[in-house]
Amino acid sequence: MSKFEGLNLAQLESKLTELKDLLEEVEEERLIILGQQNIHLPGKLVVKYEQELREIKEDIQTVEGLIREKSESI
């Protein structure tokens, strides 16, 4: 069971907006942090950002699917 399945349509739409904003913030943060030239950044940091972005994108897809399902059943 998805962590979003108990939400109603309005809550899902709100969660989708929240997730898209989070995705944008993390992508911007990643560009700033990884774009720094004068400091050494561990390789784990790149993997951390990739994993976090992947998880957010998966959540967005899940929520979008649930919104479609609930919209069709109305």
C-alpha atoms as a PDB file:
ATOM      1  CA  MET A   1       0.000   0.000   0.000  1.00  0.00           C
ATOM      2  CA  SER A   2       1.304   3.414  -1.001  1.00  0.00           C
ATOM      3  CA  LYS A   3       1.830   6.075   1.634  1.00  0.00           C
ATOM      4  CA  PHE A   4      -0.500   8.293  -0.416  1.00  0.00           C
ATOM      5  CA  GLU A   5      -3.473   5.959  -0.929  1.00  0.00           C
ATOM      6  CA  GLY A   6      -5.399   7.199   2.119  1.00  0.00           C
ATOM      7  CA  LEU A   7      -5.468  10.783   0.827  1.00  0.00           C
ATOM      8  CA  ASN A   8      -8.495  12.318  -0.868  1.00  0.00           C
ATOM      9  CA  LEU A   9      -8.294  14.114  -4.221  1.00  0.00           C
ATOM     10  CA  ALA A  10      -7.692  17.578  -2.732  1.00  0.00           C
ATOM     11  CA  GLN A  11      -4.955  16.227  -0.453  1.00  0.00           C
ATOM     12  CA  LEU A  12      -3.331  14.421  -3.390  1.00  0.00           C
ATOM     13  CA  GLU A  13      -3.318  17.589  -5.481  1.00  0.00           C
ATOM     14  CA  SER A  14      -1.774  19.489  -2.584  1.00  0.00           C
ATOM     15  CA  LYS A  15       0.835  16.747  -2.096  1.00  0.00           C
ATOM     16  CA  LEU A  16       1.651  16.830  -5.825  1.00  0.00           C
ATOM     17  CA  THR A  17       2.315  20.572  -5.665  1.00  0.00           C
ATOM     18  CA  GLU A  18       4.456  20.056  -2.571  1.00  0.00           C
ATOM     19  CA  LEU A  19       6.479  17.292  -4.247  1.00  0.00           C
ATOM     20  CA  LYS A  20       7.042  19.332  -7.417  1.00  0.00           C
ATOM     21  CA  ASP A  21       8.255  22.275  -5.321  1.00  0.00           C
ATOM     22  CA  LEU A  22      10.557  19.950  -3.381  1.00  0.00           C
ATOM     23  CA  LEU A  23      11.930  18.511  -6.621  1.00  0.00           C
ATOM     24  CA  GLU A  24      12.719  21.994  -7.897  1.00  0.00           C
ATOM     25  CA  GLU A  25      14.414  22.951  -4.610  1.00  0.00           C
ATOM     26  CA  VAL A  26      16.562  19.812  -4.517  1.00  0.00           C
ATOM     27  CA  GLU A  27      17.579  20.244  -8.168  1.00  0.00           C
ATOM     28  CA  GLU A  28      18.598  23.866  -7.483  1.00  0.00           C
ATOM     29  CA  GLU A  29      20.489  22.865  -4.336  1.00  0.00           C
ATOM     30  CA  ARG A  30      22.270  20.111  -6.258  1.00  0.00           C
ATOM     31  CA  LEU A  31      23.382  22.572  -8.952  1.00  0.00           C
ATOM     32  CA  ILE A  32      24.701  25.012  -6.361  1.00  0.00           C
ATOM     33  CA  ILE A  33      26.510  22.436  -4.224  1.00  0.00           C
ATOM     34  CA  LEU A  34      27.933  20.331  -7.044  1.00  0.00           C
ATOM     35  CA  GLY A  35      28.816  23.398  -9.100  1.00  0.00           C
ATOM     36  CA  GLN A  36      31.331  24.644  -6.549  1.00  0.00           C
ATOM     37  CA  GLN A  37      34.791  24.589  -8.038  1.00  0.00           C
ATOM     38  CA  ASN A  38      37.076  25.307  -5.091  1.00  0.00           C
ATOM     39  CA  ILE A  39      36.098  22.557  -2.667  1.00  0.00           C
ATOM     40  CA  HIS A  40      36.337  18.797  -2.760  1.00  0.00           C
ATOM     41  CA  LEU A  41      32.973  17.058  -2.632  1.00  0.00           C
ATOM     42  CA  PRO A  42      32.703  13.368  -1.786  1.00  0.00           C
ATOM     43  CA  GLY A  43      31.265  11.056  -4.430  1.00  0.00           C
ATOM     44  CA  LYS A  44      28.641   9.981  -1.911  1.00  0.00           C
ATOM     45  CA  LEU A  45      27.093  13.434  -2.233  1.00  0.00           C
ATOM     46  CA  VAL A  46      26.361  12.909  -5.926  1.00  0.00           C
ATOM     47  CA  VAL A  47      24.771   9.534  -5.171  1.00  0.00           C
ATOM     48  CA  LYS A  48      22.735  11.082  -2.333  1.00  0.00           C
ATOM     49  CA  TYR A  49      21.284  13.725  -4.644  1.00  0.00           C
ATOM     50  CA  GLU A  50      20.558  11.190  -7.391  1.00  0.00           C
ATOM     51  CA  GLN A  51      18.748   8.922  -4.920  1.00  0.00           C
ATOM     52  CA  GLU A  52      16.762  11.782  -3.406  1.00  0.00           C
ATOM     53  CA  LEU A  53      15.714  13.070  -6.841  1.00  0.00           C
ATOM     54  CA  ARG A  54      14.726   9.571  -7.965  1.00  0.00           C
ATOM     55  CA  GLU A  55      12.582   9.050  -4.854  1.00  0.00           C
ATOM     56  CA  ILE A  56      10.814  12.390  -5.311  1.00  0.00           C
ATOM     57  CA  LYS A  57      10.138  11.642  -8.993  1.00  0.00           C
ATOM     58  CA  GLU A  58       8.739   8.213  -8.079  1.00  0.00           C
ATOM     59  CA  ASP A  59       6.464   9.814  -5.482  1.00  0.00           C
ATOM     60  CA  ILE A  60       5.278  12.344  -8.080  1.00  0.00           C
ATOM     61  CA  GLN A  61       4.422   9.529 -10.491  1.00  0.00           C
ATOM     62  CA  THR A  62       2.569   7.643  -7.750  1.00  0.00           C
ATOM     63  CA  VAL A  63       0.536  10.692  -6.739  1.00  0.00           C
ATOM     64  CA  GLU A  64      -0.262  11.557 -10.362  1.00  0.00           C
ATOM     65  CA  GLY A  65      -1.513   8.004 -10.895  1.00  0.00           C
ATOM     66  CA  LEU A  66      -3.698   8.168  -7.798  1.00  0.00           C
ATOM     67  CA  ILE A  67      -5.108  11.522  -8.905  1.00  0.00           C
ATOM     68  CA  ARG A  68      -6.022  10.011 -12.288  1.00  0.00           C
ATOM     69  CA  GLU A  69      -7.686   7.022 -10.612  1.00  0.00           C
ATOM     70  CA  LYS A  70      -9.687   9.166  -8.200  1.00  0.00           C
ATOM     71  CA  SER A  71     -10.650  11.641 -10.939  1.00  0.00           C
ATOM     72  CA  GLU A  72     -11.968   8.844 -13.149  1.00  0.00           C
ATOM     73  CA  SER A  73     -14.057   7.409 -10.326  1.00  0.00           C
ATOM     74  CA  ILE A  74     -15.873  10.702  -9.729  1.00  0.00           C
END
